[in-house]
N, C-alpha and C. Protein backbone atom coordinates (compact mmCIF):
# COMPACT_ATOMS: atom_id res chain seq x y z
N MET A 1 29.85 -10.38 -20.61
CA MET A 1 29.10 -10.51 -19.38
C MET A 1 27.60 -10.67 -19.66
N THR A 2 27.24 -10.94 -20.87
CA THR A 2 25.83 -11.08 -21.20
C THR A 2 25.38 -12.51 -20.94
N SER A 3 24.26 -12.63 -20.25
CA SER A 3 23.68 -13.94 -20.00
C SER A 3 22.24 -13.92 -20.51
N PRO A 4 21.61 -15.07 -20.73
CA PRO A 4 20.26 -15.07 -21.29
C PRO A 4 19.24 -14.39 -20.40
N SER A 5 19.38 -14.53 -19.09
CA SER A 5 18.47 -13.85 -18.17
C SER A 5 19.22 -13.53 -16.89
N VAL A 6 18.74 -12.50 -16.19
CA VAL A 6 19.39 -12.05 -14.96
C VAL A 6 18.31 -11.50 -14.04
N ARG A 7 18.57 -11.49 -12.74
CA ARG A 7 17.60 -10.97 -11.77
C ARG A 7 17.35 -9.49 -12.03
N ILE A 8 16.10 -9.06 -11.81
CA ILE A 8 15.74 -7.68 -12.11
C ILE A 8 16.46 -6.70 -11.19
N ASP A 9 16.65 -7.05 -9.91
CA ASP A 9 17.33 -6.12 -9.02
C ASP A 9 18.79 -5.96 -9.42
N ALA A 10 19.43 -7.05 -9.86
CA ALA A 10 20.82 -6.97 -10.30
C ALA A 10 20.93 -6.16 -11.59
N TRP A 11 19.97 -6.31 -12.50
CA TRP A 11 20.00 -5.56 -13.75
C TRP A 11 19.82 -4.07 -13.50
N LEU A 12 18.85 -3.71 -12.64
CA LEU A 12 18.63 -2.30 -12.34
C LEU A 12 19.87 -1.66 -11.71
N TRP A 13 20.58 -2.41 -10.89
CA TRP A 13 21.82 -1.92 -10.30
C TRP A 13 22.92 -1.84 -11.35
N ALA A 14 23.01 -2.85 -12.22
CA ALA A 14 24.08 -2.91 -13.22
C ALA A 14 23.98 -1.78 -14.24
N VAL A 15 22.75 -1.36 -14.59
CA VAL A 15 22.60 -0.28 -15.57
C VAL A 15 22.44 1.08 -14.90
N ARG A 16 22.74 1.13 -13.61
CA ARG A 16 22.84 2.38 -12.85
C ARG A 16 21.53 3.12 -12.66
N ILE A 17 20.42 2.39 -12.55
CA ILE A 17 19.14 3.01 -12.19
C ILE A 17 19.14 3.25 -10.68
N TYR A 18 19.67 2.30 -9.92
CA TYR A 18 19.80 2.44 -8.47
C TYR A 18 21.28 2.39 -8.11
N LYS A 19 21.63 3.12 -7.06
CA LYS A 19 23.03 3.21 -6.64
C LYS A 19 23.54 1.91 -6.04
N THR A 20 22.67 1.19 -5.32
CA THR A 20 23.07 -0.08 -4.73
C THR A 20 22.04 -1.14 -5.09
N ARG A 21 22.47 -2.38 -5.01
CA ARG A 21 21.56 -3.48 -5.32
C ARG A 21 20.48 -3.59 -4.25
N SER A 22 20.83 -3.27 -3.00
CA SER A 22 19.82 -3.35 -1.93
C SER A 22 18.73 -2.30 -2.13
N LEU A 23 19.05 -1.13 -2.70
CA LEU A 23 18.01 -0.14 -3.01
C LEU A 23 17.09 -0.66 -4.11
N ALA A 24 17.65 -1.36 -5.08
CA ALA A 24 16.83 -1.96 -6.14
C ALA A 24 15.92 -3.04 -5.57
N THR A 25 16.44 -3.85 -4.66
CA THR A 25 15.63 -4.89 -4.02
C THR A 25 14.50 -4.28 -3.20
N THR A 26 14.81 -3.22 -2.47
CA THR A 26 13.79 -2.54 -1.66
C THR A 26 12.70 -1.94 -2.55
N ALA A 27 13.08 -1.38 -3.68
CA ALA A 27 12.10 -0.82 -4.61
C ALA A 27 11.18 -1.91 -5.16
N CYS A 28 11.73 -3.07 -5.44
CA CYS A 28 10.91 -4.20 -5.92
C CYS A 28 9.92 -4.63 -4.84
N ARG A 29 10.39 -4.73 -3.60
CA ARG A 29 9.51 -5.12 -2.49
C ARG A 29 8.39 -4.11 -2.27
N ALA A 30 8.70 -2.83 -2.47
CA ALA A 30 7.71 -1.77 -2.25
C ALA A 30 6.72 -1.65 -3.40
N GLY A 31 6.95 -2.38 -4.50
CA GLY A 31 6.01 -2.33 -5.62
C GLY A 31 6.29 -1.21 -6.59
N HIS A 32 7.50 -0.63 -6.57
CA HIS A 32 7.84 0.48 -7.46
C HIS A 32 8.40 0.00 -8.79
N VAL A 33 8.54 -1.30 -8.96
CA VAL A 33 9.09 -1.85 -10.19
C VAL A 33 8.06 -2.78 -10.82
N ARG A 34 7.80 -2.57 -12.11
CA ARG A 34 6.87 -3.42 -12.86
C ARG A 34 7.57 -3.97 -14.09
N LEU A 35 7.37 -5.24 -14.34
CA LEU A 35 7.94 -5.91 -15.51
C LEU A 35 6.79 -6.32 -16.41
N ASN A 36 6.74 -5.75 -17.59
CA ASN A 36 5.66 -6.00 -18.56
C ASN A 36 4.29 -5.78 -17.92
N GLY A 37 4.17 -4.75 -17.08
CA GLY A 37 2.91 -4.38 -16.48
C GLY A 37 2.59 -5.06 -15.16
N GLU A 38 3.38 -6.01 -14.73
CA GLU A 38 3.12 -6.74 -13.49
C GLU A 38 4.14 -6.38 -12.42
N ARG A 39 3.67 -6.26 -11.16
CA ARG A 39 4.60 -6.05 -10.04
C ARG A 39 5.46 -7.28 -9.90
N VAL A 40 6.72 -7.07 -9.58
CA VAL A 40 7.66 -8.19 -9.54
C VAL A 40 8.40 -8.25 -8.22
N LYS A 41 8.90 -9.46 -7.93
CA LYS A 41 9.83 -9.64 -6.83
C LYS A 41 11.23 -9.38 -7.36
N ALA A 42 12.17 -9.18 -6.45
CA ALA A 42 13.55 -8.88 -6.85
C ALA A 42 14.20 -10.03 -7.60
N SER A 43 13.72 -11.24 -7.40
CA SER A 43 14.34 -12.40 -8.03
C SER A 43 13.79 -12.70 -9.42
N GLN A 44 12.85 -11.91 -9.90
CA GLN A 44 12.27 -12.12 -11.24
C GLN A 44 13.36 -11.96 -12.31
N GLN A 45 13.35 -12.84 -13.28
CA GLN A 45 14.35 -12.82 -14.36
C GLN A 45 13.91 -11.87 -15.46
N VAL A 46 14.86 -11.11 -16.02
CA VAL A 46 14.58 -10.24 -17.16
C VAL A 46 15.36 -10.75 -18.37
N ARG A 47 14.78 -10.53 -19.54
CA ARG A 47 15.38 -10.95 -20.80
C ARG A 47 15.33 -9.78 -21.77
N PRO A 48 16.14 -9.78 -22.79
CA PRO A 48 16.08 -8.70 -23.78
C PRO A 48 14.67 -8.57 -24.37
N GLY A 49 14.20 -7.34 -24.49
CA GLY A 49 12.86 -7.07 -25.01
C GLY A 49 11.84 -6.79 -23.93
N ASP A 50 12.13 -7.09 -22.67
CA ASP A 50 11.20 -6.85 -21.57
C ASP A 50 11.09 -5.35 -21.30
N GLU A 51 9.87 -4.91 -20.94
CA GLU A 51 9.65 -3.50 -20.58
C GLU A 51 9.56 -3.39 -19.07
N ILE A 52 10.32 -2.47 -18.51
CA ILE A 52 10.37 -2.26 -17.07
C ILE A 52 9.93 -0.83 -16.77
N ARG A 53 9.01 -0.70 -15.81
CA ARG A 53 8.59 0.63 -15.33
C ARG A 53 9.09 0.77 -13.91
N VAL A 54 9.85 1.83 -13.68
CA VAL A 54 10.44 2.09 -12.37
C VAL A 54 9.93 3.43 -11.88
N ARG A 55 9.35 3.46 -10.68
CA ARG A 55 8.87 4.71 -10.10
C ARG A 55 9.97 5.28 -9.21
N ILE A 56 10.48 6.44 -9.63
CA ILE A 56 11.53 7.13 -8.88
C ILE A 56 11.09 8.57 -8.67
N ALA A 57 11.06 9.00 -7.42
CA ALA A 57 10.70 10.38 -7.05
C ALA A 57 9.34 10.77 -7.60
N GLY A 58 8.39 9.84 -7.60
CA GLY A 58 7.03 10.15 -8.03
C GLY A 58 6.79 10.08 -9.52
N PHE A 59 7.80 9.79 -10.32
CA PHE A 59 7.66 9.71 -11.76
C PHE A 59 8.06 8.33 -12.25
N ASP A 60 7.39 7.86 -13.29
CA ASP A 60 7.71 6.56 -13.86
C ASP A 60 8.75 6.70 -14.96
N ARG A 61 9.76 5.83 -14.90
CA ARG A 61 10.71 5.71 -16.00
C ARG A 61 10.39 4.42 -16.72
N ILE A 62 10.29 4.48 -18.04
CA ILE A 62 9.97 3.31 -18.86
C ILE A 62 11.26 2.90 -19.57
N LEU A 63 11.69 1.67 -19.30
CA LEU A 63 12.93 1.16 -19.85
C LEU A 63 12.67 -0.15 -20.58
N VAL A 64 13.38 -0.38 -21.67
CA VAL A 64 13.31 -1.65 -22.38
C VAL A 64 14.70 -2.28 -22.33
N VAL A 65 14.75 -3.55 -21.97
CA VAL A 65 16.01 -4.26 -21.83
C VAL A 65 16.54 -4.59 -23.22
N ARG A 66 17.73 -4.10 -23.54
CA ARG A 66 18.40 -4.46 -24.78
C ARG A 66 19.41 -5.58 -24.55
N GLU A 67 20.07 -5.51 -23.39
CA GLU A 67 21.13 -6.47 -23.07
C GLU A 67 21.05 -6.76 -21.58
N THR A 68 21.21 -8.02 -21.21
CA THR A 68 21.18 -8.37 -19.79
C THR A 68 22.59 -8.30 -19.24
N LEU A 69 22.73 -7.58 -18.14
CA LEU A 69 24.03 -7.43 -17.47
C LEU A 69 23.89 -7.91 -16.03
N ALA A 70 24.84 -8.72 -15.58
CA ALA A 70 24.81 -9.21 -14.21
C ALA A 70 25.73 -8.40 -13.30
N LYS A 71 26.73 -7.75 -13.89
CA LYS A 71 27.68 -6.96 -13.12
C LYS A 71 27.58 -5.50 -13.52
N ARG A 72 27.89 -4.62 -12.59
CA ARG A 72 27.84 -3.18 -12.85
C ARG A 72 28.93 -2.81 -13.86
N VAL A 73 28.54 -1.99 -14.82
CA VAL A 73 29.46 -1.58 -15.87
C VAL A 73 29.53 -0.05 -15.92
N GLY A 74 30.41 0.47 -16.75
CA GLY A 74 30.54 1.91 -16.91
C GLY A 74 29.29 2.52 -17.52
N ALA A 75 29.14 3.81 -17.33
CA ALA A 75 27.93 4.51 -17.80
C ALA A 75 27.72 4.40 -19.31
N PRO A 76 28.75 4.53 -20.15
CA PRO A 76 28.50 4.40 -21.59
C PRO A 76 27.97 3.01 -21.98
N GLN A 77 28.53 1.97 -21.37
CA GLN A 77 28.06 0.62 -21.68
C GLN A 77 26.67 0.37 -21.09
N ALA A 78 26.39 0.95 -19.92
CA ALA A 78 25.07 0.80 -19.31
C ALA A 78 24.00 1.46 -20.17
N ALA A 79 24.33 2.59 -20.80
CA ALA A 79 23.37 3.27 -21.66
C ALA A 79 23.02 2.42 -22.89
N LEU A 80 23.94 1.61 -23.34
CA LEU A 80 23.68 0.74 -24.49
C LEU A 80 22.84 -0.48 -24.11
N ALA A 81 22.80 -0.82 -22.83
CA ALA A 81 22.08 -2.01 -22.38
C ALA A 81 20.59 -1.76 -22.18
N LEU A 82 20.15 -0.51 -22.28
CA LEU A 82 18.73 -0.21 -22.10
C LEU A 82 18.28 0.79 -23.13
N GLU A 83 16.97 0.80 -23.36
CA GLU A 83 16.34 1.78 -24.25
C GLU A 83 15.37 2.59 -23.40
N GLU A 84 15.57 3.88 -23.37
CA GLU A 84 14.74 4.78 -22.57
C GLU A 84 13.50 5.16 -23.37
N ARG A 85 12.31 4.86 -22.85
CA ARG A 85 11.05 5.21 -23.51
C ARG A 85 10.20 6.14 -22.65
N THR A 86 10.82 6.78 -21.68
CA THR A 86 10.10 7.67 -20.80
C THR A 86 9.67 8.91 -21.58
N PRO A 87 8.38 9.28 -21.53
CA PRO A 87 7.96 10.49 -22.23
C PRO A 87 8.59 11.72 -21.58
N PRO A 88 8.79 12.78 -22.34
CA PRO A 88 9.38 13.98 -21.75
C PRO A 88 8.44 14.59 -20.70
N PRO A 89 9.00 15.26 -19.72
CA PRO A 89 8.14 15.87 -18.69
C PRO A 89 7.29 16.99 -19.30
N PRO A 90 6.16 17.31 -18.66
CA PRO A 90 5.31 18.37 -19.20
C PRO A 90 6.06 19.70 -19.18
N PRO A 91 5.72 20.60 -20.11
CA PRO A 91 6.40 21.90 -20.11
C PRO A 91 6.12 22.67 -18.83
N ARG A 92 7.08 23.48 -18.44
CA ARG A 92 6.97 24.24 -17.19
C ARG A 92 5.77 25.18 -17.20
N ASP A 93 5.32 25.60 -18.38
CA ASP A 93 4.19 26.53 -18.47
C ASP A 93 2.89 25.88 -18.03
N SER A 94 2.75 24.56 -18.24
CA SER A 94 1.50 23.89 -17.90
C SER A 94 1.38 23.58 -16.41
N ILE A 95 2.48 23.69 -15.67
CA ILE A 95 2.45 23.44 -14.23
C ILE A 95 2.00 24.72 -13.54
N PRO A 96 0.92 24.65 -12.74
CA PRO A 96 0.43 25.88 -12.10
C PRO A 96 1.45 26.44 -11.11
N ALA A 97 1.48 27.75 -11.04
CA ALA A 97 2.40 28.42 -10.12
C ALA A 97 1.90 28.27 -8.69
N PHE A 98 2.81 28.29 -7.76
CA PHE A 98 2.44 28.20 -6.35
C PHE A 98 1.96 29.57 -5.87
N ALA A 99 0.97 29.52 -5.02
CA ALA A 99 0.48 30.76 -4.43
C ALA A 99 1.42 31.14 -3.29
N LEU A 100 2.04 32.28 -3.40
CA LEU A 100 2.95 32.74 -2.37
C LEU A 100 2.26 33.78 -1.51
N ARG A 101 2.46 33.65 -0.22
CA ARG A 101 1.89 34.60 0.72
C ARG A 101 3.03 35.32 1.42
N ASP A 102 2.78 36.53 1.79
CA ASP A 102 3.78 37.30 2.51
C ASP A 102 4.00 36.67 3.88
N ARG A 103 5.25 36.67 4.30
CA ARG A 103 5.61 36.09 5.59
C ARG A 103 4.98 36.91 6.72
N GLY A 104 4.38 36.21 7.66
CA GLY A 104 3.82 36.88 8.83
C GLY A 104 2.38 37.34 8.65
N THR A 105 1.72 36.96 7.57
CA THR A 105 0.33 37.40 7.35
C THR A 105 -0.67 36.48 8.03
N GLY A 106 -0.19 35.41 8.66
CA GLY A 106 -1.10 34.51 9.37
C GLY A 106 -1.72 33.48 8.45
N ARG A 107 -2.72 32.80 8.99
CA ARG A 107 -3.39 31.76 8.23
C ARG A 107 -4.25 32.38 7.14
N PRO A 108 -4.42 31.69 6.02
CA PRO A 108 -5.27 32.24 4.96
C PRO A 108 -6.74 32.21 5.38
N THR A 109 -7.48 33.19 4.91
CA THR A 109 -8.92 33.20 5.15
C THR A 109 -9.56 32.13 4.26
N LYS A 110 -10.84 31.90 4.49
CA LYS A 110 -11.54 30.90 3.71
C LYS A 110 -11.51 31.27 2.22
N ARG A 111 -11.70 32.52 1.91
CA ARG A 111 -11.68 32.98 0.52
C ARG A 111 -10.29 32.80 -0.08
N GLU A 112 -9.23 33.16 0.68
CA GLU A 112 -7.87 33.01 0.18
C GLU A 112 -7.52 31.53 -0.04
N ARG A 113 -7.98 30.67 0.88
CA ARG A 113 -7.71 29.25 0.73
C ARG A 113 -8.37 28.71 -0.53
N ARG A 114 -9.60 29.12 -0.81
CA ARG A 114 -10.29 28.67 -2.02
C ARG A 114 -9.57 29.18 -3.27
N ASP A 115 -9.07 30.42 -3.22
CA ASP A 115 -8.30 30.94 -4.36
C ASP A 115 -7.02 30.15 -4.58
N ILE A 116 -6.37 29.78 -3.49
CA ILE A 116 -5.14 29.00 -3.59
C ILE A 116 -5.43 27.63 -4.19
N GLU A 117 -6.49 26.98 -3.75
CA GLU A 117 -6.85 25.65 -4.28
C GLU A 117 -7.24 25.75 -5.75
N ARG A 118 -7.93 26.82 -6.15
CA ARG A 118 -8.30 27.00 -7.54
C ARG A 118 -7.05 27.19 -8.40
N LEU A 119 -6.07 27.93 -7.88
CA LEU A 119 -4.82 28.15 -8.59
C LEU A 119 -4.04 26.85 -8.76
N ARG A 120 -4.07 26.00 -7.76
CA ARG A 120 -3.37 24.71 -7.82
C ARG A 120 -4.11 23.69 -8.68
N GLY A 121 -5.34 23.97 -9.06
CA GLY A 121 -6.07 23.07 -9.94
C GLY A 121 -6.87 22.01 -9.21
N ARG A 122 -7.24 22.25 -7.99
CA ARG A 122 -8.03 21.26 -7.24
C ARG A 122 -9.49 21.57 -7.25
């Protein structure tokens, strides 16, 4: 099922990045998909060696095309068709803790609000 080039929305669906092809098309229209650093339309062709950045849930996934697939395949074969280059997420220790307030204490005072913003890193 390998062809020299295939549409980017079909490839993203075939390698199971998106559950449906229409979700992949919508992501391309919204600008969440980049091919070699450029925003693309859903009809853009991908070839082996191309780098794709996909923004899902606020995080970028970096994928390199190893094999072009036009039809959806099983998960083991889909994993072989792409190379994952996404850096690991930051350690949980580096993420600031949320400021928790007791229920029913009302709105924070100006001083408490500033402390909360300082804790969040703003």
